[in-house]
Amino acid sequence: MKKSSIELKQYAPTWTQSLTVVVFTVATVFVGNLSAEDKNSGIESTNFCQGTAGQAFTSCKSAARSDYQVALGKCINITDPAARTLCERQAAADLADGLDTCQGGLEVRQASCQKLGPDRYDPPIDPTNFTTTIDNPYFPLVPGTTFTYLTPNGAIKDVFAVTHDTRAIDGVTCVQVHDSVYTDGVLTEDTLDFFAQDTEGNVWYFGENTAEFEEGLLATIEGSFLSGVNNDKPGIIMRAHPAPGDFYRQEFSLGNAEDYAETLNLNSRVVVPYGRFNNCLKSQETTPLEPDALEDKYYAPGVGNVLTVDLVTGERDELVSITTE
């Protein structure tokens, strides 16, 4: 039966008051739990790097558990008992894998903090200190130049094309590079990368728009970020005066794009289809987003990246050609 306006007016304050009590109670419990989580994550510590690692760990676990709940919700709607059980088991296995990745990511970040130090990562960006002339000998980017890489079996081709286009990111005019990856002749990754060089000669990475494809359809744009958006920040791809032991962030989009690089030596020898190179810079890259991943990259003076080796799979991406317009 429809209530009269008087009844509604009398009922509304009681309903509102009850809702307020419930919301306040839930919020109090949530904030209390969040504060405890924050404290465990080290947010109150003066070691801001470790505090960041702790917050990322908490977020990662929450995301894994959220994905698990969604997966169970889908399993509930499977009529066949056997198929439903398989679905639930897969959800549990995915949760375990996800939490394992979170733990591995925490360990990578914590180890990186030992090398980076406790400070906040907040590099000052003054647009007047940057140029689109990128002539760092280990990472030269001349517009109109295309680097092509192949795996030895020819299955994967990476085309890294330095365009004549630029884009302003975080106030800095950046060179735009079009990086396309083909697997068995089919486009599987398509990325626009943005670089600029500072007055000291360091080459900075200001972001990327990336897309991965499966069977010709867009699968994900994870990893995309732009400096200055959502508090994401640029990193250094190549230092002006690299030295063994250098360790630095190449990008900073927490939980989305986090690569670290460490310079191992400056005297490596490399043989690839494009040629033989001496005195190459060898660096090793890691990321907390894929804790088990480990890559060595080699940069020849005056050329740039000539070889990438996946230390887990043994796969090699070798420079096969350089063309200029």
C-alpha atoms as a PDB file:
ATOM      1  CA  MET A   1       0.000   0.000   0.000  1.00  0.00           C
ATOM      2  CA  LYS A   2       1.260   3.465  -0.857  1.00  0.00           C
ATOM      3  CA  LYS A   3       2.197   5.508   2.209  1.00  0.00           C
ATOM      4  CA  SER A   4       0.800   8.999   2.718  1.00  0.00           C
ATOM      5  CA  SER A   5       3.137  11.980   2.513  1.00  0.00           C
ATOM      6  CA  ILE A   6       2.910  12.371   6.308  1.00  0.00           C
ATOM      7  CA  GLU A   7       3.896   8.746   6.868  1.00  0.00           C
ATOM      8  CA  LEU A   8       6.813   9.134   4.475  1.00  0.00           C
ATOM      9  CA  LYS A   9       8.059  12.244   6.252  1.00  0.00           C
ATOM     10  CA  GLN A  10       7.877  10.455   9.588  1.00  0.00           C
ATOM     11  CA  TYR A  11       9.622   7.373   8.199  1.00  0.00           C
ATOM     12  CA  ALA A  12      12.423   9.133   6.328  1.00  0.00           C
ATOM     13  CA  PRO A  13      14.385  10.482   9.327  1.00  0.00           C
ATOM     14  CA  THR A  14      14.445   7.066  11.019  1.00  0.00           C
ATOM     15  CA  TRP A  15      15.584   5.333   7.817  1.00  0.00           C
ATOM     16  CA  THR A  16      18.236   7.973   7.169  1.00  0.00           C
ATOM     17  CA  GLN A  17      19.494   7.804  10.728  1.00  0.00           C
ATOM     18  CA  SER A  18      19.768   4.011  10.586  1.00  0.00           C
ATOM     19  CA  LEU A  19      21.608   4.153   7.274  1.00  0.00           C
ATOM     20  CA  THR A  20      23.982   6.769   8.661  1.00  0.00           C
ATOM     21  CA  VAL A  21      24.814   4.524  11.616  1.00  0.00           C
ATOM     22  CA  VAL A  22      25.444   1.552   9.322  1.00  0.00           C
ATOM     23  CA  VAL A  23      27.602   3.544   6.909  1.00  0.00           C
ATOM     24  CA  PHE A  24      29.553   5.128   9.759  1.00  0.00           C
ATOM     25  CA  THR A  25      30.138   1.722  11.358  1.00  0.00           C
ATOM     26  CA  VAL A  26      31.324   0.156   8.098  1.00  0.00           C
ATOM     27  CA  ALA A  27      33.521   3.155   7.318  1.00  0.00           C
ATOM     28  CA  THR A  28      35.052   3.062  10.799  1.00  0.00           C
ATOM     29  CA  VAL A  29      35.890  -0.631  10.469  1.00  0.00           C
ATOM     30  CA  PHE A  30      37.276  -0.080   6.957  1.00  0.00           C
ATOM     31  CA  VAL A  31      39.449   2.857   7.982  1.00  0.00           C
ATOM     32  CA  GLY A  32      40.646   0.940  11.018  1.00  0.00           C
ATOM     33  CA  ASN A  33      41.651  -2.016   8.879  1.00  0.00           C
ATOM     34  CA  LEU A  34      43.200   0.257   6.265  1.00  0.00           C
ATOM     35  CA  SER A  35      45.272   2.018   8.895  1.00  0.00           C
ATOM     36  CA  ALA A  36      46.579  -1.312  10.141  1.00  0.00           C
ATOM     37  CA  GLU A  37      47.369  -2.375   6.586  1.00  0.00           C
ATOM     38  CA  ASP A  38      49.114   0.921   5.904  1.00  0.00           C
ATOM     39  CA  LYS A  39      51.183   0.536   9.047  1.00  0.00           C
ATOM     40  CA  ASN A  40      52.191  -2.983   8.039  1.00  0.00           C
ATOM     41  CA  SER A  41      53.083  -1.691   4.574  1.00  0.00           C
ATOM     42  CA  GLY A  42      55.524   0.823   5.993  1.00  0.00           C
ATOM     43  CA  ILE A  43      53.684   3.978   4.960  1.00  0.00           C
ATOM     44  CA  GLU A  44      54.655   5.656   8.238  1.00  0.00           C
ATOM     45  CA  SER A  45      58.306   4.859   7.711  1.00  0.00           C
ATOM     46  CA  THR A  46      60.759   7.424   6.411  1.00  0.00           C
ATOM     47  CA  ASN A  47      61.893   4.803   3.898  1.00  0.00           C
ATOM     48  CA  PHE A  48      59.557   5.955   1.152  1.00  0.00           C
ATOM     49  CA  CYS A  49      60.822   3.389  -1.341  1.00  0.00           C
ATOM     50  CA  GLN A  50      60.006   0.478   0.966  1.00  0.00           C
ATOM     51  CA  GLY A  51      56.704   2.137   1.859  1.00  0.00           C
ATOM     52  CA  THR A  52      55.825   2.256  -1.831  1.00  0.00           C
ATOM     53  CA  ALA A  53      56.710  -1.423  -2.147  1.00  0.00           C
ATOM     54  CA  GLY A  54      54.406  -2.239   0.754  1.00  0.00           C
ATOM     55  CA  GLN A  55      51.475  -0.318  -0.692  1.00  0.00           C
ATOM     56  CA  ALA A  56      51.923  -1.986  -4.080  1.00  0.00           C
ATOM     57  CA  PHE A  57      51.991  -5.386  -2.346  1.00  0.00           C
ATOM     58  CA  THR A  58      48.729  -4.663  -0.531  1.00  0.00           C
ATOM     59  CA  SER A  59      47.086  -3.502  -3.754  1.00  0.00           C
ATOM     60  CA  CYS A  60      48.309  -6.555  -5.649  1.00  0.00           C
ATOM     61  CA  LYS A  61      46.859  -8.970  -3.083  1.00  0.00           C
ATOM     62  CA  SER A  62      43.531  -7.140  -3.074  1.00  0.00           C
ATOM     63  CA  ALA A  63      43.357  -7.325  -6.870  1.00  0.00           C
ATOM     64  CA  ALA A  64      44.150 -11.059  -6.858  1.00  0.00           C
ATOM     65  CA  ARG A  65      41.421 -11.734  -4.300  1.00  0.00           C
ATOM     66  CA  SER A  66      38.964  -9.551  -6.188  1.00  0.00           C
ATOM     67  CA  ASP A  67      39.641 -11.487  -9.396  1.00  0.00           C
ATOM     68  CA  TYR A  68      39.084 -14.708  -7.453  1.00  0.00           C
ATOM     69  CA  GLN A  69      35.675 -13.560  -6.203  1.00  0.00           C
ATOM     70  CA  VAL A  70      34.633 -12.564  -9.721  1.00  0.00           C
ATOM     71  CA  ALA A  71      35.777 -15.949 -11.037  1.00  0.00           C
ATOM     72  CA  LEU A  72      33.733 -17.758  -8.374  1.00  0.00           C
ATOM     73  CA  GLY A  73      30.725 -15.659  -9.319  1.00  0.00           C
ATOM     74  CA  LYS A  74      31.058 -16.916 -12.874  1.00  0.00           C
ATOM     75  CA  CYS A  75      31.511 -20.508 -11.700  1.00  0.00           C
ATOM     76  CA  ILE A  76      28.234 -20.359  -9.772  1.00  0.00           C
ATOM     77  CA  ASN A  77      26.399 -19.901 -13.055  1.00  0.00           C
ATOM     78  CA  ILE A  78      27.714 -23.122 -14.594  1.00  0.00           C
ATOM     79  CA  THR A  79      24.974 -25.753 -14.443  1.00  0.00           C
ATOM     80  CA  ASP A  80      27.104 -28.855 -14.970  1.00  0.00           C
ATOM     81  CA  PRO A  81      28.570 -29.895 -11.560  1.00  0.00           C
ATOM     82  CA  ALA A  82      31.794 -31.287 -12.998  1.00  0.00           C
ATOM     83  CA  ALA A  83      32.442 -28.197 -15.105  1.00  0.00           C
ATOM     84  CA  ARG A  84      31.588 -25.977 -12.148  1.00  0.00           C
ATOM     85  CA  THR A  85      34.087 -27.825  -9.954  1.00  0.00           C
ATOM     86  CA  LEU A  86      36.794 -27.431 -12.591  1.00  0.00           C
ATOM     87  CA  CYS A  87      35.997 -23.726 -12.778  1.00  0.00           C
ATOM     88  CA  GLU A  88      36.333 -23.351  -8.999  1.00  0.00           C
ATOM     89  CA  ARG A  89      39.622 -25.244  -8.968  1.00  0.00           C
ATOM     90  CA  GLN A  90      40.985 -23.051 -11.749  1.00  0.00           C
ATOM     91  CA  ALA A  91      39.910 -19.947  -9.839  1.00  0.00           C
ATOM     92  CA  ALA A  92      41.741 -21.199  -6.751  1.00  0.00           C
ATOM     93  CA  ALA A  93      44.854 -22.000  -8.792  1.00  0.00           C
ATOM     94  CA  ASP A  94      44.784 -18.548 -10.406  1.00  0.00           C
ATOM     95  CA  LEU A  95      44.476 -16.962  -6.964  1.00  0.00           C
ATOM     96  CA  ALA A  96      47.495 -18.897  -5.716  1.00  0.00           C
ATOM     97  CA  ASP A  97      49.492 -17.856  -8.781  1.00  0.00           C
ATOM     98  CA  GLY A  98      48.390 -14.253  -8.353  1.00  0.00           C
ATOM     99  CA  LEU A  99      49.404 -14.118  -4.697  1.00  0.00           C
ATOM    100  CA  ASP A 100      52.719 -15.755  -5.565  1.00  0.00           C
ATOM    101  CA  THR A 101      53.334 -13.033  -8.163  1.00  0.00           C
ATOM    102  CA  CYS A 102      52.487 -10.399  -5.549  1.00  0.00           C
ATOM    103  CA  GLN A 103      55.044 -11.861  -3.156  1.00  0.00           C
ATOM    104  CA  GLY A 104      57.655 -12.054  -5.892  1.00  0.00           C
ATOM    105  CA  GLY A 105      56.932  -8.462  -6.876  1.00  0.00           C
ATOM    106  CA  LEU A 106      57.393  -7.338  -3.281  1.00  0.00           C
ATOM    107  CA  GLU A 107      60.772  -9.049  -3.139  1.00  0.00           C
ATOM    108  CA  VAL A 108      61.903  -7.432  -6.405  1.00  0.00           C
ATOM    109  CA  ARG A 109      60.837  -3.978  -5.185  1.00  0.00           C
ATOM    110  CA  GLN A 110      62.480  -4.453  -1.795  1.00  0.00           C
ATOM    111  CA  ALA A 111      65.733  -5.576  -3.410  1.00  0.00           C
ATOM    112  CA  SER A 112      65.575  -2.588  -5.757  1.00  0.00           C
ATOM    113  CA  CYS A 113      65.075  -0.234  -2.823  1.00  0.00           C
ATOM    114  CA  GLN A 114      68.344  -1.476  -1.363  1.00  0.00           C
ATOM    115  CA  LYS A 115      70.047  -0.051  -4.460  1.00  0.00           C
ATOM    116  CA  LEU A 116      67.850   2.995  -5.057  1.00  0.00           C
ATOM    117  CA  GLY A 117      67.816   4.220  -1.471  1.00  0.00           C
ATOM    118  CA  PRO A 118      64.937   5.350   0.763  1.00  0.00           C
ATOM    119  CA  ASP A 119      63.964   8.608  -0.966  1.00  0.00           C
ATOM    120  CA  ARG A 120      60.734   9.353  -2.793  1.00  0.00           C
ATOM    121  CA  TYR A 121      60.892   8.933  -6.549  1.00  0.00           C
ATOM    122  CA  ASP A 122      60.029  12.425  -7.727  1.00  0.00           C
ATOM    123  CA  PRO A 123      62.470  13.574 -10.432  1.00  0.00           C
ATOM    124  CA  PRO A 124      62.227  17.309 -11.190  1.00  0.00           C
ATOM    125  CA  ILE A 125      61.038  17.832 -14.765  1.00  0.00           C
ATOM    126  CA  ASP A 126      61.820  21.216 -16.312  1.00  0.00           C
ATOM    127  CA  PRO A 127      60.778  21.239 -19.988  1.00  0.00           C
ATOM    128  CA  THR A 128      63.520  23.756 -20.795  1.00  0.00           C
ATOM    129  CA  ASN A 129      66.119  21.132 -19.855  1.00  0.00           C
ATOM    130  CA  PHE A 130      65.039  18.688 -22.577  1.00  0.00           C
ATOM    131  CA  THR A 131      65.537  18.356 -26.324  1.00  0.00           C
ATOM    132  CA  THR A 132      64.278  16.129 -29.124  1.00  0.00           C
ATOM    133  CA  THR A 133      67.855  15.756 -30.389  1.00  0.00           C
ATOM    134  CA  ILE A 134      68.706  12.352 -28.953  1.00  0.00           C
ATOM    135  CA  ASP A 135      72.372  11.646 -29.645  1.00  0.00           C
ATOM    136  CA  ASN A 136      73.420   9.617 -26.613  1.00  0.00           C
ATOM    137  CA  PRO A 137      75.959   7.210 -28.207  1.00  0.00           C
ATOM    138  CA  TYR A 138      74.350   4.156 -26.613  1.00  0.00           C
ATOM    139  CA  PHE A 139      70.794   5.165 -27.538  1.00  0.00           C
ATOM    140  CA  PRO A 140      70.744   7.478 -30.584  1.00  0.00           C
ATOM    141  CA  LEU A 141      67.306   8.159 -32.048  1.00  0.00           C
ATOM    142  CA  VAL A 142      67.537   9.850 -35.442  1.00  0.00           C
ATOM    143  CA  PRO A 143      64.115  10.477 -37.028  1.00  0.00           C
ATOM    144  CA  GLY A 144      63.631   8.338 -40.110  1.00  0.00           C
ATOM    145  CA  THR A 145      65.749   5.469 -38.750  1.00  0.00           C
ATOM    146  CA  THR A 146      64.268   1.980 -38.429  1.00  0.00           C
ATOM    147  CA  PHE A 147      65.856  -0.846 -36.430  1.00  0.00           C
ATOM    148  CA  THR A 148      64.661  -4.378 -37.192  1.00  0.00           C
ATOM    149  CA  TYR A 149      65.219  -7.319 -34.855  1.00  0.00           C
ATOM    150  CA  LEU A 150      64.567 -11.029 -35.379  1.00  0.00           C
ATOM    151  CA  THR A 151      64.728 -14.142 -33.257  1.00  0.00           C
ATOM    152  CA  PRO A 152      67.098 -16.754 -34.756  1.00  0.00           C
ATOM    153  CA  ASN A 153      64.186 -18.903 -35.954  1.00  0.00           C
ATOM    154  CA  GLY A 154      62.552 -15.873 -37.589  1.00  0.00           C
ATOM    155  CA  ALA A 155      59.304 -16.360 -35.672  1.00  0.00           C
ATOM    156  CA  ILE A 156      59.329 -12.969 -33.932  1.00  0.00           C
ATOM    157  CA  LYS A 157      60.152  -9.679 -35.659  1.00  0.00           C
ATOM    158  CA  ASP A 158      60.417  -6.346 -33.855  1.00  0.00           C
ATOM    159  CA  VAL A 159      60.364  -3.158 -35.947  1.00  0.00           C
ATOM    160  CA  PHE A 160      61.518  -0.089 -33.989  1.00  0.00           C
ATOM    161  CA  ALA A 161      60.876   2.992 -36.145  1.00  0.00           C
ATOM    162  CA  VAL A 162      61.966   6.477 -35.046  1.00  0.00           C
ATOM    163  CA  THR A 163      59.337   8.776 -36.526  1.00  0.00           C
ATOM    164  CA  HIS A 164      59.456  12.478 -37.383  1.00  0.00           C
ATOM    165  CA  ASP A 165      56.499  13.015 -35.046  1.00  0.00           C
ATOM    166  CA  THR A 166      56.722  14.558 -31.599  1.00  0.00           C
ATOM    167  CA  ARG A 167      54.325  14.789 -28.687  1.00  0.00           C
ATOM    168  CA  ALA A 168      54.252  17.042 -25.637  1.00  0.00           C
ATOM    169  CA  ILE A 169      54.109  14.951 -22.464  1.00  0.00           C
ATOM    170  CA  ASP A 170      54.304  16.477 -19.011  1.00  0.00           C
ATOM    171  CA  GLY A 171      55.297  19.706 -20.765  1.00  0.00           C
ATOM    172  CA  VAL A 172      58.262  18.058 -22.504  1.00  0.00           C
ATOM    173  CA  THR A 173      58.409  17.650 -26.288  1.00  0.00           C
ATOM    174  CA  CYS A 174      59.243  14.005 -26.947  1.00  0.00           C
ATOM    175  CA  VAL A 175      60.340  11.989 -29.968  1.00  0.00           C
ATOM    176  CA  GLN A 176      57.731   9.409 -30.956  1.00  0.00           C
ATOM    177  CA  VAL A 177      58.892   5.884 -31.781  1.00  0.00           C
ATOM    178  CA  HIS A 178      56.600   3.295 -33.372  1.00  0.00           C
ATOM    179  CA  ASP A 179      57.482  -0.181 -32.089  1.00  0.00           C
ATOM    180  CA  SER A 180      55.685  -3.119 -33.743  1.00  0.00           C
ATOM    181  CA  VAL A 181      56.091  -6.799 -32.870  1.00  0.00           C
ATOM    182  CA  TYR A 182      55.037  -9.569 -35.264  1.00  0.00           C
ATOM    183  CA  THR A 183      54.729 -13.257 -34.407  1.00  0.00           C
ATOM    184  CA  ASP A 184      54.747 -15.552 -37.433  1.00  0.00           C
ATOM    185  CA  GLY A 185      53.932 -12.522 -39.556  1.00  0.00           C
ATOM    186  CA  VAL A 186      50.936 -11.427 -37.467  1.00  0.00           C
ATOM    187  CA  LEU A 187      50.931  -8.176 -35.479  1.00  0.00           C
ATOM    188  CA  THR A 188      50.870  -9.055 -31.763  1.00  0.00           C
ATOM    189  CA  GLU A 189      52.036  -5.811 -30.148  1.00  0.00           C
ATOM    190  CA  ASP A 190      51.796  -2.212 -31.320  1.00  0.00           C
ATOM    191  CA  THR A 191      53.347   0.577 -29.258  1.00  0.00           C
ATOM    192  CA  LEU A 192      54.107   4.281 -29.418  1.00  0.00           C
ATOM    193  CA  ASP A 193      57.069   5.166 -27.173  1.00  0.00           C
ATOM    194  CA  PHE A 194      58.035   8.693 -26.139  1.00  0.00           C
ATOM    195  CA  PHE A 195      61.630   9.775 -25.460  1.00  0.00           C
ATOM    196  CA  ALA A 196      63.509  13.001 -24.748  1.00  0.00           C
ATOM    197  CA  GLN A 197      67.114  13.801 -23.836  1.00  0.00           C
ATOM    198  CA  ASP A 198      68.117  16.187 -21.065  1.00  0.00           C
ATOM    199  CA  THR A 199      70.924  18.728 -21.285  1.00  0.00           C
ATOM    200  CA  GLU A 200      73.338  16.329 -19.571  1.00  0.00           C
ATOM    201  CA  GLY A 201      72.745  13.617 -22.174  1.00  0.00           C
ATOM    202  CA  ASN A 202      70.461  11.269 -20.217  1.00  0.00           C
ATOM    203  CA  VAL A 203      67.696   9.744 -22.353  1.00  0.00           C
ATOM    204  CA  TRP A 204      64.342   9.746 -20.569  1.00  0.00           C
ATOM    205  CA  TYR A 205      61.297   7.582 -21.184  1.00  0.00           C
ATOM    206  CA  PHE A 206      58.097   9.626 -20.828  1.00  0.00           C
ATOM    207  CA  GLY A 207      55.548   6.921 -21.527  1.00  0.00           C
ATOM    208  CA  GLU A 208      53.969   4.573 -23.999  1.00  0.00           C
ATOM    209  CA  ASN A 209      50.662   3.760 -25.634  1.00  0.00           C
ATOM    210  CA  THR A 210      50.762   0.011 -26.059  1.00  0.00           C
ATOM    211  CA  ALA A 211      48.313  -2.608 -27.271  1.00  0.00           C
ATOM    212  CA  GLU A 212      48.625  -6.390 -27.472  1.00  0.00           C
ATOM    213  CA  PHE A 213      46.624  -8.527 -29.875  1.00  0.00           C
ATOM    214  CA  GLU A 214      45.514 -12.154 -29.893  1.00  0.00           C
ATOM    215  CA  GLU A 215      44.123 -13.694 -33.077  1.00  0.00           C
ATOM    216  CA  GLY A 216      43.813 -10.225 -34.552  1.00  0.00           C
ATOM    217  CA  LEU A 217      41.739  -8.853 -31.670  1.00  0.00           C
ATOM    218  CA  LEU A 218      42.780  -6.356 -29.008  1.00  0.00           C
ATOM    219  CA  ALA A 219      43.683  -8.280 -25.850  1.00  0.00           C
ATOM    220  CA  THR A 220      45.026  -5.610 -23.494  1.00  0.00           C
ATOM    221  CA  ILE A 221      46.461  -2.119 -23.221  1.00  0.00           C
ATOM    222  CA  GLU A 222      48.115  -2.839 -19.870  1.00  0.00           C
ATOM    223  CA  GLY A 223      51.458  -1.123 -19.493  1.00  0.00           C
ATOM    224  CA  SER A 224      50.318   2.102 -21.147  1.00  0.00           C
ATOM    225  CA  PHE A 225      51.193   5.251 -19.218  1.00  0.00           C
ATOM    226  CA  LEU A 226      52.110   8.907 -19.699  1.00  0.00           C
ATOM    227  CA  SER A 227      54.270  10.951 -17.373  1.00  0.00           C
ATOM    228  CA  GLY A 228      52.202  13.507 -15.499  1.00  0.00           C
ATOM    229  CA  VAL A 229      48.968  11.512 -15.742  1.00  0.00           C
ATOM    230  CA  ASN A 230      47.705   9.789 -12.569  1.00  0.00           C
ATOM    231  CA  ASN A 231      50.986  10.668 -10.835  1.00  0.00           C
ATOM    232  CA  ASP A 232      52.976   8.497 -13.247  1.00  0.00           C
ATOM    233  CA  LYS A 233      56.566   9.602 -13.788  1.00  0.00           C
ATOM    234  CA  PRO A 234      59.290   9.205 -16.406  1.00  0.00           C
ATOM    235  CA  GLY A 235      62.398   7.107 -16.020  1.00  0.00           C
ATOM    236  CA  ILE A 236      65.819   6.950 -17.626  1.00  0.00           C
ATOM    237  CA  ILE A 237      66.440   4.584 -20.528  1.00  0.00           C
ATOM    238  CA  MET A 238      70.121   5.435 -20.904  1.00  0.00           C
ATOM    239  CA  ARG A 239      72.400   7.504 -18.708  1.00  0.00           C
ATOM    240  CA  ALA A 240      74.696  10.132 -20.164  1.00  0.00           C
ATOM    241  CA  HIS A 241      77.787   8.605 -18.574  1.00  0.00           C
ATOM    242  CA  PRO A 242      76.942   4.998 -17.707  1.00  0.00           C
ATOM    243  CA  ALA A 243      79.141   3.029 -15.344  1.00  0.00           C
ATOM    244  CA  PRO A 244      79.009  -0.531 -13.996  1.00  0.00           C
ATOM    245  CA  GLY A 245      76.788  -0.665 -10.940  1.00  0.00           C
ATOM    246  CA  ASP A 246      74.383   2.047 -12.094  1.00  0.00           C
ATOM    247  CA  PHE A 247      70.848   1.093 -11.069  1.00  0.00           C
ATOM    248  CA  TYR A 248      67.812   3.163 -12.004  1.00  0.00           C
ATOM    249  CA  ARG A 249      64.110   3.219 -12.783  1.00  0.00           C
ATOM    250  CA  GLN A 250      63.188   3.215 -16.456  1.00  0.00           C
ATOM    251  CA  GLU A 251      59.538   4.067 -15.805  1.00  0.00           C
ATOM    252  CA  PHE A 252      57.229   4.610 -12.854  1.00  0.00           C
ATOM    253  CA  SER A 253      53.562   3.706 -13.157  1.00  0.00           C
ATOM    254  CA  LEU A 254      53.034   1.759  -9.948  1.00  0.00           C
ATOM    255  CA  GLY A 255      51.482  -1.648 -10.532  1.00  0.00           C
ATOM    256  CA  ASN A 256      51.327  -1.014 -14.269  1.00  0.00           C
ATOM    257  CA  ALA A 257      54.756  -0.223 -15.739  1.00  0.00           C
ATOM    258  CA  GLU A 258      57.844  -0.635 -13.561  1.00  0.00           C
ATOM    259  CA  ASP A 259      61.124  -1.579 -15.196  1.00  0.00           C
ATOM    260  CA  TYR A 260      64.527  -1.335 -13.523  1.00  0.00           C
ATOM    261  CA  ALA A 261      67.899  -1.451 -15.271  1.00  0.00           C
ATOM    262  CA  GLU A 262      71.388  -2.106 -13.949  1.00  0.00           C
ATOM    263  CA  THR A 263      74.569  -1.494 -15.942  1.00  0.00           C
ATOM    264  CA  LEU A 264      76.761  -4.604 -15.733  1.00  0.00           C
ATOM    265  CA  ASN A 265      79.737  -3.664 -17.920  1.00  0.00           C
ATOM    266  CA  LEU A 266      80.916  -1.534 -20.840  1.00  0.00           C
ATOM    267  CA  ASN A 267      83.134  -4.057 -22.610  1.00  0.00           C
ATOM    268  CA  SER A 268      80.884  -6.818 -23.921  1.00  0.00           C
ATOM    269  CA  ARG A 269      81.383  -8.320 -27.371  1.00  0.00           C
ATOM    270  CA  VAL A 270      78.313  -9.061 -29.459  1.00  0.00           C
ATOM    271  CA  VAL A 271      77.807 -10.875 -32.752  1.00  0.00           C
ATOM    272  CA  VAL A 272      74.439 -10.502 -34.487  1.00  0.00           C
ATOM    273  CA  PRO A 273      73.362 -10.710 -38.148  1.00  0.00           C
ATOM    274  CA  TYR A 274      73.918  -6.960 -38.555  1.00  0.00           C
ATOM    275  CA  GLY A 275      77.568  -7.182 -37.484  1.00  0.00           C
ATOM    276  CA  ARG A 276      80.198  -7.614 -34.778  1.00  0.00           C
ATOM    277  CA  PHE A 277      80.457  -5.062 -31.995  1.00  0.00           C
ATOM    278  CA  ASN A 278      83.012  -4.429 -29.258  1.00  0.00           C
ATOM    279  CA  ASN A 279      82.816  -2.336 -26.098  1.00  0.00           C
ATOM    280  CA  CYS A 280      79.072  -2.797 -25.803  1.00  0.00           C
ATOM    281  CA  LEU A 281      77.177  -1.691 -22.728  1.00  0.00           C
ATOM    282  CA  LYS A 282      75.495  -4.662 -21.065  1.00  0.00           C
ATOM    283  CA  SER A 283      72.518  -3.980 -18.817  1.00  0.00           C
ATOM    284  CA  GLN A 284      70.115  -6.239 -16.975  1.00  0.00           C
ATOM    285  CA  GLU A 285      66.414  -5.438 -16.679  1.00  0.00           C
ATOM    286  CA  THR A 286      63.917  -6.607 -14.078  1.00  0.00           C
ATOM    287  CA  THR A 287      60.326  -5.778 -13.175  1.00  0.00           C
ATOM    288  CA  PRO A 288      58.211  -6.537 -10.094  1.00  0.00           C
ATOM    289  CA  LEU A 289      55.224  -7.093 -12.391  1.00  0.00           C
ATOM    290  CA  GLU A 290      56.913 -10.244 -13.720  1.00  0.00           C
ATOM    291  CA  PRO A 291      59.191 -11.312 -10.858  1.00  0.00           C
ATOM    292  CA  ASP A 292      60.618 -14.282 -12.737  1.00  0.00           C
ATOM    293  CA  ALA A 293      61.492 -12.265 -15.858  1.00  0.00           C
ATOM    294  CA  LEU A 294      65.121 -11.321 -16.458  1.00  0.00           C
ATOM    295  CA  GLU A 295      66.659  -9.779 -19.580  1.00  0.00           C
ATOM    296  CA  ASP A 296      70.128  -8.764 -20.671  1.00  0.00           C
ATOM    297  CA  LYS A 297      70.385  -5.954 -23.219  1.00  0.00           C
ATOM    298  CA  TYR A 298      73.440  -4.928 -25.210  1.00  0.00           C
ATOM    299  CA  TYR A 299      74.024  -1.449 -26.636  1.00  0.00           C
ATOM    300  CA  ALA A 300      76.785  -0.721 -29.147  1.00  0.00           C
ATOM    301  CA  PRO A 301      78.348   2.776 -29.183  1.00  0.00           C
ATOM    302  CA  GLY A 302      77.033   4.815 -32.089  1.00  0.00           C
ATOM    303  CA  VAL A 303      74.364   2.224 -32.888  1.00  0.00           C
ATOM    304  CA  GLY A 304      72.111   1.540 -29.915  1.00  0.00           C
ATOM    305  CA  ASN A 305      70.438  -1.694 -28.882  1.00  0.00           C
ATOM    306  CA  VAL A 306      71.867  -4.611 -30.870  1.00  0.00           C
ATOM    307  CA  LEU A 307      70.783  -7.619 -28.812  1.00  0.00           C
ATOM    308  CA  THR A 308      68.259  -8.608 -26.137  1.00  0.00           C
ATOM    309  CA  VAL A 309      68.507 -11.976 -24.382  1.00  0.00           C
ATOM    310  CA  ASP A 310      65.689 -13.451 -22.302  1.00  0.00           C
ATOM    311  CA  LEU A 311      67.588 -15.252 -19.538  1.00  0.00           C
ATOM    312  CA  VAL A 312      64.554 -17.385 -18.669  1.00  0.00           C
ATOM    313  CA  THR A 313      63.685 -18.743 -22.115  1.00  0.00           C
ATOM    314  CA  GLY A 314      67.019 -18.175 -23.847  1.00  0.00           C
ATOM    315  CA  GLU A 315      65.282 -16.273 -26.651  1.00  0.00           C
ATOM    316  CA  ARG A 316      67.446 -13.742 -28.522  1.00  0.00           C
ATOM    317  CA  ASP A 317      66.210 -10.637 -30.326  1.00  0.00           C
ATOM    318  CA  GLU A 318      69.047  -9.804 -32.723  1.00  0.00           C
ATOM    319  CA  LEU A 319      69.561  -6.675 -34.797  1.00  0.00           C
ATOM    320  CA  VAL A 320      69.342  -7.629 -38.476  1.00  0.00           C
ATOM    321  CA  SER A 321      69.061  -4.257 -40.217  1.00  0.00           C
ATOM    322  CA  ILE A 322      69.098  -0.482 -39.854  1.00  0.00           C
ATOM    323  CA  THR A 323      67.475   1.613 -42.555  1.00  0.00           C
ATOM    324  CA  THR A 324      67.186   5.373 -42.934  1.00  0.00           C
ATOM    325  CA  GLU A 325      64.852   7.500 -45.001  1.00  0.00           C
END
